[in-house]
């Protein structure tokens, strides 16, 4: 799921000559600037607010919330580093930001995307474990910090080729056969691989391990969760979950659908470009890429909404934080058992506490305890 922000570097000399006949659209450029700026602002504010509230409140530091904060941190990194650079490069059709950013930007984008999808997978796996096996092993906060560290290490390793093979050059402009070559002094940030086979193998691997396989695993986890919740027929249990069951299902579905739909257009574009870039129209390839990339970057705004702003506890804490900033007084707060978390990983309901003290309870009651820890 690479950004392909350096896709301009693959265009042949003849393609550059053709694009020189395509006049830039002032209205189009204005639209992209406004759209990207809105995503940057919303993504930064939403994710920063989510991380701030989770970090500020001890009650919120359970496994799922730590993974959510990790997901938000990767989105913040994307908004700060990748989005502004992509806007400048796409609008100017040349690189003016220096060699360091030429190498760092695609590396950071690939790393951020990898951390995001790994976080989504870990959240799905935790839900799967705690809903389908509520009496078995459950991860603790220490495990989540270890998982966060491993995701960043693995993401860095996967993204290293961008540091090695991204270069700043003007070679594609030198052989353009025009009476007056306006691109001769232009620089582009492009990927220079040992061979085209190496590039295709790496990009195809990214598509599989950053999109297809993680999405399949997440869908499988949520499908099993839906089936488990559907099989529970106890009348008392159903009556206690009547109000929240619909929101749980909608929330789980929104997580998967938002991720899949946001990144699908860019992955289709990247796949088409990697294997047959001549199929892309000369004058519209920038606009097509920008539309696909903008859709993918919208995921940085969706995550805070899905994980935070649709949760009543997050809204209460956000209002309380704003009131403290305005008045300097700490307002009284009330929390659900496990705010923001899909399943509380480190707390126990009264029933589960009694079970540990020796009271008799069957597995269905324990499963009910795990469900009651769901915040939605």
Protein backbone atom coordinates (compact mmCIF):
# COMPACT_ATOMS: atom_id res chain seq x y z
CA UNK A 1 0.00 0.00 0.00
CA UNK A 2 2.75 2.35 -0.98
CA UNK A 3 2.07 6.00 -1.52
CA UNK A 4 3.76 5.99 -4.94
CA UNK A 5 4.36 9.68 -4.36
CA UNK A 6 7.39 9.18 -6.57
CA UNK A 7 5.32 7.75 -9.40
CA UNK A 8 6.24 10.77 -11.53
CA UNK A 9 9.72 9.34 -11.85
CA UNK A 10 8.55 6.34 -13.86
CA UNK A 11 7.15 8.43 -16.70
CA UNK A 12 9.12 8.19 -19.90
CA UNK A 13 10.48 11.16 -21.83
CA UNK A 14 7.68 10.99 -24.37
CA UNK A 15 5.14 11.07 -21.56
CA UNK A 16 6.69 14.23 -20.13
CA UNK A 17 6.51 15.86 -23.55
CA UNK A 18 2.83 15.00 -23.78
CA UNK A 19 2.04 16.31 -20.29
CA UNK A 20 3.66 19.61 -21.18
CA UNK A 21 0.73 20.17 -23.53
CA UNK A 22 -1.73 19.80 -20.65
CA UNK A 23 -2.52 23.20 -19.13
CA UNK A 24 -2.83 23.20 -15.32
CA UNK A 25 -6.23 23.89 -13.83
CA UNK A 26 -6.33 26.69 -11.27
CA UNK A 27 -9.68 25.47 -9.98
CA UNK A 28 -8.41 21.93 -9.66
CA UNK A 29 -5.30 23.02 -7.80
CA UNK A 30 -7.40 25.10 -5.42
CA UNK A 31 -9.69 22.16 -4.74
CA UNK A 32 -6.80 19.81 -3.92
CA UNK A 33 -5.20 22.36 -1.61
CA UNK A 34 -8.45 22.92 0.29
CA UNK A 35 -9.26 19.19 0.46
CA UNK A 36 -5.82 18.15 1.67
CA UNK A 37 -5.69 21.03 4.14
CA UNK A 38 -9.05 19.96 5.59
CA UNK A 39 -7.85 16.37 5.99
CA UNK A 40 -4.61 17.51 7.62
CA UNK A 41 -6.47 19.75 10.09
CA UNK A 42 -9.14 17.19 10.97
CA UNK A 43 -6.66 14.34 11.15
CA UNK A 44 -4.26 16.23 13.40
CA UNK A 45 -6.93 17.59 15.75
CA UNK A 46 -8.90 14.35 15.97
CA UNK A 47 -5.96 12.02 16.51
CA UNK A 48 -4.11 14.40 18.82
CA UNK A 49 -7.24 14.76 20.95
CA UNK A 50 -7.68 11.01 21.10
CA UNK A 51 -4.06 10.41 22.15
CA UNK A 52 -4.18 13.24 24.69
CA UNK A 53 -7.27 11.92 26.43
CA UNK A 54 -6.04 8.33 26.52
CA UNK A 55 -2.66 9.43 27.89
CA UNK A 56 -4.20 11.77 30.45
CA UNK A 57 -6.61 9.31 32.05
CA UNK A 58 -5.25 6.26 33.82
CA UNK A 59 -8.62 4.53 33.48
CA UNK A 60 -8.30 4.55 29.71
CA UNK A 61 -4.94 2.80 29.51
CA UNK A 62 -6.07 -0.69 28.65
CA UNK A 63 -4.86 -2.85 25.79
CA UNK A 64 -7.28 -1.71 23.11
CA UNK A 65 -6.88 1.97 23.90
CA UNK A 66 -3.09 1.70 23.76
CA UNK A 67 -3.41 0.17 20.29
CA UNK A 68 -5.88 2.90 19.31
CA UNK A 69 -3.42 5.55 20.49
CA UNK A 70 -0.71 3.84 18.45
CA UNK A 71 -2.96 3.95 15.40
CA UNK A 72 -3.58 7.65 16.00
CA UNK A 73 0.14 8.35 16.34
CA UNK A 74 0.79 6.77 12.94
CA UNK A 75 -1.99 8.92 11.46
CA UNK A 76 -0.49 12.05 13.03
CA UNK A 77 2.87 11.19 11.48
CA UNK A 78 1.15 10.82 8.12
CA UNK A 79 -0.55 14.21 8.45
CA UNK A 80 2.62 16.00 9.49
CA UNK A 81 5.15 14.52 7.06
CA UNK A 82 3.47 12.90 4.08
CA UNK A 83 0.37 14.91 3.26
CA UNK A 84 1.99 18.37 2.87
CA UNK A 85 4.81 16.91 0.77
CA UNK A 86 2.38 15.04 -1.48
CA UNK A 87 0.36 18.21 -2.06
CA UNK A 88 3.44 20.21 -3.08
CA UNK A 89 4.85 17.49 -5.31
CA UNK A 90 1.60 16.69 -7.07
CA UNK A 91 0.75 20.32 -7.80
CA UNK A 92 4.24 21.29 -8.98
CA UNK A 93 5.10 18.09 -10.91
CA UNK A 94 8.70 18.45 -9.70
CA UNK A 95 10.61 18.08 -6.45
CA UNK A 96 11.70 21.24 -4.61
CA UNK A 97 12.08 19.85 -1.08
CA UNK A 98 15.61 18.46 -1.11
CA UNK A 99 17.14 14.98 -1.15
CA UNK A 100 16.52 14.20 2.52
CA UNK A 101 12.73 14.55 2.22
CA UNK A 102 12.85 12.67 -1.07
CA UNK A 103 14.06 9.60 0.83
CA UNK A 104 12.29 10.14 4.14
CA UNK A 105 8.77 10.90 2.88
CA UNK A 106 7.99 7.58 1.14
CA UNK A 107 9.75 5.74 3.98
CA UNK A 108 7.57 7.45 6.59
CA UNK A 109 4.42 6.89 4.54
CA UNK A 110 5.08 3.18 4.12
CA UNK A 111 6.00 2.85 7.80
CA UNK A 112 2.91 4.74 8.96
CA UNK A 113 0.57 2.68 6.79
CA UNK A 114 2.16 -0.54 8.04
CA UNK A 115 1.79 0.51 11.68
CA UNK A 116 -1.84 1.46 11.06
CA UNK A 117 -2.84 -1.83 9.52
CA UNK A 118 -0.92 -3.85 12.11
CA UNK A 119 -2.74 -1.91 14.84
CA UNK A 120 -6.09 -2.69 13.24
CA UNK A 121 -5.17 -6.37 13.05
CA UNK A 122 -4.07 -6.45 16.71
CA UNK A 123 -7.31 -4.78 17.80
CA UNK A 124 -9.32 -7.33 15.83
CA UNK A 125 -7.32 -10.20 17.32
CA UNK A 126 -7.87 -8.87 20.85
CA UNK A 127 -11.61 -8.61 20.27
CA UNK A 128 -11.63 -12.11 18.85
CA UNK A 129 -9.75 -13.53 21.86
CA UNK A 130 -11.80 -11.81 24.54
CA UNK A 131 -15.22 -12.40 22.98
CA UNK A 132 -14.73 -15.94 21.73
CA UNK A 133 -12.49 -17.07 24.60
CA UNK A 134 -13.44 -14.88 27.59
CA UNK A 135 -12.22 -17.45 30.11
CA UNK A 136 -8.85 -17.96 28.43
CA UNK A 137 -5.71 -15.88 28.21
CA UNK A 138 -6.18 -12.15 27.87
CA UNK A 139 -3.44 -9.62 27.02
CA UNK A 140 -2.23 -7.10 29.60
CA UNK A 141 -0.99 -3.54 29.13
CA UNK A 142 2.60 -4.71 29.07
CA UNK A 143 1.82 -6.98 26.15
CA UNK A 144 0.29 -4.09 24.23
CA UNK A 145 3.39 -1.89 24.72
CA UNK A 146 5.54 -4.77 23.46
CA UNK A 147 3.25 -5.21 20.46
CA UNK A 148 3.44 -1.49 19.69
CA UNK A 149 7.23 -1.58 19.73
CA UNK A 150 7.32 -4.62 17.48
CA UNK A 151 4.93 -3.06 14.96
CA UNK A 152 7.18 -0.01 14.57
CA UNK A 153 10.30 -2.16 14.22
CA UNK A 154 8.70 -4.38 11.59
CA UNK A 155 7.27 -1.34 9.79
CA UNK A 156 10.71 0.28 9.66
CA UNK A 157 12.23 -2.89 8.25
CA UNK A 158 9.54 -3.24 5.58
CA UNK A 159 9.98 0.41 4.54
CA UNK A 160 13.81 0.39 4.25
CA UNK A 161 13.86 -0.05 0.45
CA UNK A 162 12.44 3.45 0.05
CA UNK A 163 15.47 4.89 1.85
CA UNK A 164 17.80 2.91 -0.40
CA UNK A 165 16.21 3.31 -3.81
CA UNK A 166 14.67 6.79 -3.77
CA UNK A 167 16.91 9.34 -5.46
CA UNK A 168 16.72 12.96 -6.58
CA UNK A 169 17.52 13.37 -10.27
CA UNK A 170 16.72 15.29 -13.47
CA UNK A 171 17.63 12.45 -15.87
CA UNK A 172 14.09 11.87 -17.25
CA UNK A 173 14.00 15.49 -18.48
CA UNK A 174 17.31 15.51 -20.35
CA UNK A 175 16.23 13.58 -23.46
CA UNK A 176 12.93 15.31 -24.15
CA UNK A 177 12.94 16.29 -27.82
CA UNK A 178 11.42 19.76 -27.66
CA UNK A 179 12.71 22.94 -29.31
CA UNK A 180 12.89 24.53 -25.88
CA UNK A 181 12.99 22.06 -23.00
CA UNK A 182 11.27 23.76 -20.02
CA UNK A 183 12.01 20.77 -17.76
CA UNK A 184 15.81 20.62 -18.14
CA UNK A 185 16.51 22.07 -14.68
CA UNK A 186 13.62 20.31 -12.94
CA UNK A 187 14.28 17.62 -10.34
CA UNK A 188 12.07 14.68 -9.51
CA UNK A 189 12.08 12.20 -6.65
CA UNK A 190 12.03 8.75 -8.20
CA UNK A 191 12.67 5.13 -7.31
CA UNK A 192 15.76 3.63 -8.94
CA UNK A 193 15.62 -0.13 -8.44
CA UNK A 194 18.27 -2.66 -9.53
CA UNK A 195 15.70 -4.01 -11.98
CA UNK A 196 12.05 -3.67 -12.81
CA UNK A 197 11.46 -7.19 -11.49
CA UNK A 198 12.73 -6.15 -8.05
CA UNK A 199 10.39 -3.17 -8.02
CA UNK A 200 7.36 -5.19 -9.08
CA UNK A 201 8.13 -7.92 -6.53
CA UNK A 202 8.38 -5.38 -3.70
CA UNK A 203 5.28 -3.41 -4.67
CA UNK A 204 3.23 -6.59 -5.08
CA UNK A 205 4.42 -7.78 -1.66
CA UNK A 206 3.30 -4.48 -0.14
CA UNK A 207 -0.12 -4.89 -1.72
CA UNK A 208 -0.46 -8.36 -0.20
CA UNK A 209 0.94 -7.67 3.28
CA UNK A 210 -0.38 -4.12 3.73
CA UNK A 211 -3.87 -4.61 2.36
CA UNK A 212 -5.13 -7.99 1.12
CA UNK A 213 -3.95 -10.37 3.85
CA UNK A 214 -4.55 -8.03 6.82
CA UNK A 215 -8.02 -7.18 5.54
CA UNK A 216 -8.81 -10.87 5.11
CA UNK A 217 -7.66 -11.59 8.68
CA UNK A 218 -9.65 -8.69 10.12
CA UNK A 219 -12.77 -9.76 8.24
CA UNK A 220 -12.35 -13.31 9.48
CA UNK A 221 -12.03 -12.15 13.10
CA UNK A 222 -15.11 -9.94 12.94
CA UNK A 223 -17.10 -12.62 11.12
CA UNK A 224 -16.44 -15.08 13.94
CA UNK A 225 -17.37 -12.39 16.48
CA UNK A 226 -20.68 -11.77 14.70
CA UNK A 227 -21.43 -15.48 14.59
CA UNK A 228 -20.66 -15.90 18.29
CA UNK A 229 -22.88 -12.97 19.28
CA UNK A 230 -25.64 -14.26 17.05
CA UNK A 231 -25.58 -17.73 18.62
CA UNK A 232 -26.22 -16.46 22.12
CA UNK A 233 -29.90 -16.99 22.75
CA UNK A 234 -30.24 -16.41 26.48
CA UNK A 235 -33.27 -14.15 27.00
CA UNK A 236 -31.84 -12.25 29.96
CA UNK A 237 -28.59 -11.68 28.14
CA UNK A 238 -30.32 -10.47 25.02
CA UNK A 239 -32.50 -8.06 26.99
CA UNK A 240 -29.44 -6.49 28.62
CA UNK A 241 -27.73 -6.04 25.27
CA UNK A 242 -30.72 -4.93 23.19
CA UNK A 243 -29.78 -1.25 23.09
CA UNK A 244 -26.09 -1.80 22.44
CA UNK A 245 -26.13 -4.76 20.06
CA UNK A 246 -26.94 -2.73 16.98
CA UNK A 247 -24.25 -0.15 17.71
CA UNK A 248 -21.69 -2.91 18.28
CA UNK A 249 -22.41 -4.47 14.90
CA UNK A 250 -22.41 -1.13 13.10
CA UNK A 251 -19.13 -0.13 14.74
CA UNK A 252 -17.39 -3.38 13.85
CA UNK A 253 -18.62 -3.17 10.29
CA UNK A 254 -17.62 0.49 9.96
CA UNK A 255 -14.04 -0.26 11.00
CA UNK A 256 -13.55 -2.85 8.27
CA UNK A 257 -15.51 -1.06 5.55
CA UNK A 258 -13.80 2.30 6.19
CA UNK A 259 -10.34 0.79 5.95
CA UNK A 260 -11.12 -1.27 2.85
CA UNK A 261 -12.88 1.50 0.93
CA UNK A 262 -10.42 4.26 1.80
CA UNK A 263 -7.39 2.33 0.57
CA UNK A 264 -8.96 0.43 -2.32
CA UNK A 265 -8.72 3.20 -4.99
CA UNK A 266 -5.04 3.93 -4.28
CA UNK A 267 -4.16 0.24 -4.34
CA UNK A 268 -5.92 -0.20 -7.67
CA UNK A 269 -4.10 2.85 -9.05
CA UNK A 270 -0.72 1.65 -7.77
CA UNK A 271 -1.25 -1.84 -9.18
CA UNK A 272 -2.25 -0.49 -12.58
CA UNK A 273 0.64 1.96 -12.57
CA UNK A 274 3.22 -0.67 -11.54
CA UNK A 275 2.17 -3.19 -14.16
CA UNK A 276 0.89 -1.06 -17.05
CA UNK A 277 1.33 2.67 -16.51
CA UNK A 278 0.80 3.41 -20.21
CA UNK A 279 -2.90 2.72 -19.63
CA UNK A 280 -3.19 5.88 -17.54
CA UNK A 281 -4.13 9.02 -19.48
CA UNK A 282 -1.33 11.56 -19.85
CA UNK A 283 -3.25 14.66 -18.82
CA UNK A 284 -5.35 13.09 -16.08
CA UNK A 285 -2.84 10.88 -14.23
CA UNK A 286 -2.10 13.58 -11.62
CA UNK A 287 -5.79 14.15 -10.95
CA UNK A 288 -6.50 10.41 -10.75
CA UNK A 289 -3.61 9.85 -8.36
CA UNK A 290 -4.64 12.81 -6.20
CA UNK A 291 -8.23 11.57 -5.97
CA UNK A 292 -7.09 8.07 -4.99
CA UNK A 293 -4.51 9.39 -2.54
CA UNK A 294 -6.97 11.84 -1.01
CA UNK A 295 -9.43 9.01 -0.43
CA UNK A 296 -6.76 6.92 1.26
CA UNK A 297 -5.65 9.81 3.46
CA UNK A 298 -9.25 10.31 4.58
CA UNK A 299 -8.69 7.24 6.76
CA UNK A 300 -6.67 9.48 9.09
CA UNK A 301 -9.90 11.36 9.81
CA UNK A 302 -12.18 8.34 9.98
CA UNK A 303 -10.26 6.53 12.69
CA UNK A 304 -10.81 9.18 15.41
CA UNK A 305 -14.51 9.26 14.51
CA UNK A 306 -14.93 5.48 14.59
CA UNK A 307 -12.87 4.85 17.70
CA UNK A 308 -13.48 8.02 19.66
CA UNK A 309 -16.08 10.54 18.67
CA UNK A 310 -18.85 7.95 18.38
CA UNK A 311 -18.12 6.82 21.94
CA UNK A 312 -20.05 8.58 24.68
CA UNK A 313 -17.21 8.29 27.20
CA UNK A 314 -14.78 10.01 24.84
CA UNK A 315 -17.27 12.81 24.28
CA UNK A 316 -17.72 13.26 28.04
CA UNK A 317 -13.98 13.38 28.63
CA UNK A 318 -13.47 15.79 25.72
CA UNK A 319 -16.12 18.15 27.10
CA UNK A 320 -14.63 17.88 30.56
CA UNK A 321 -11.14 18.65 29.23
CA UNK A 322 -12.40 21.70 27.35
CA UNK A 323 -14.20 22.92 30.47
CA UNK A 324 -11.04 22.54 32.53
CA UNK A 325 -9.11 24.51 29.94
CA UNK A 326 -11.68 27.30 30.09
CA UNK A 327 -12.45 27.39 33.79
CA UNK A 328 -9.45 25.76 35.39
CA UNK A 329 -11.77 23.59 37.46
CA UNK A 330 -11.94 19.85 37.20
CA UNK A 331 -15.49 18.78 36.46
CA UNK A 332 -16.93 15.66 37.94
CA UNK A 333 -16.77 12.74 35.56
CA UNK A 334 -18.45 9.38 35.29
CA UNK A 335 -17.11 6.49 33.23
CA UNK A 336 -18.47 3.26 31.97
CA UNK A 337 -16.61 0.16 33.07
CA UNK A 338 -14.17 0.19 30.16
CA UNK A 339 -14.34 3.42 28.14
CA UNK A 340 -13.31 3.49 24.48
CA UNK A 341 -12.07 -0.09 24.58
CA UNK A 342 -13.88 -2.65 22.53
CA UNK A 343 -13.32 -5.16 25.32
CA UNK A 344 -11.79 -4.21 28.65
CA UNK A 345 -8.58 -6.18 28.85
CA UNK A 346 -7.53 -5.50 32.38
CA UNK A 347 -10.66 -4.97 34.41
CA UNK A 348 -13.15 -7.36 35.97
CA UNK A 349 -16.85 -7.07 36.52
CA UNK A 350 -18.27 -7.92 39.91
CA UNK A 351 -19.39 -11.29 38.63
CA UNK A 352 -15.91 -12.23 37.37
CA UNK A 353 -14.44 -11.07 40.70
CA UNK A 354 -16.80 -13.37 42.58
CA UNK A 355 -15.83 -16.20 40.29
CA UNK A 356 -12.19 -15.79 41.26
CA UNK A 357 -13.23 -15.81 44.92
CA UNK A 358 -14.85 -19.17 44.50
CA UNK A 359 -18.43 -18.55 43.47
CA UNK A 360 -19.96 -20.92 40.98
CA UNK A 361 -20.56 -19.63 37.50
CA UNK A 362 -20.81 -21.37 34.15
CA UNK A 363 -19.03 -20.35 30.95
CA UNK A 364 -22.07 -18.53 29.62
CA UNK A 365 -21.98 -16.13 32.57
CA UNK A 366 -18.29 -15.49 31.95
CA UNK A 367 -18.94 -14.79 28.32
CA UNK A 368 -21.68 -12.39 29.40
CA UNK A 369 -19.15 -10.59 31.63
CA UNK A 370 -16.85 -10.13 28.67
CA UNK A 371 -19.69 -8.73 26.59
CA UNK A 372 -20.70 -6.32 29.33
CA UNK A 373 -17.23 -4.83 29.18
CA UNK A 374 -17.89 -3.66 25.63
CA UNK A 375 -18.22 0.16 25.72
CA UNK A 376 -20.75 0.46 22.96
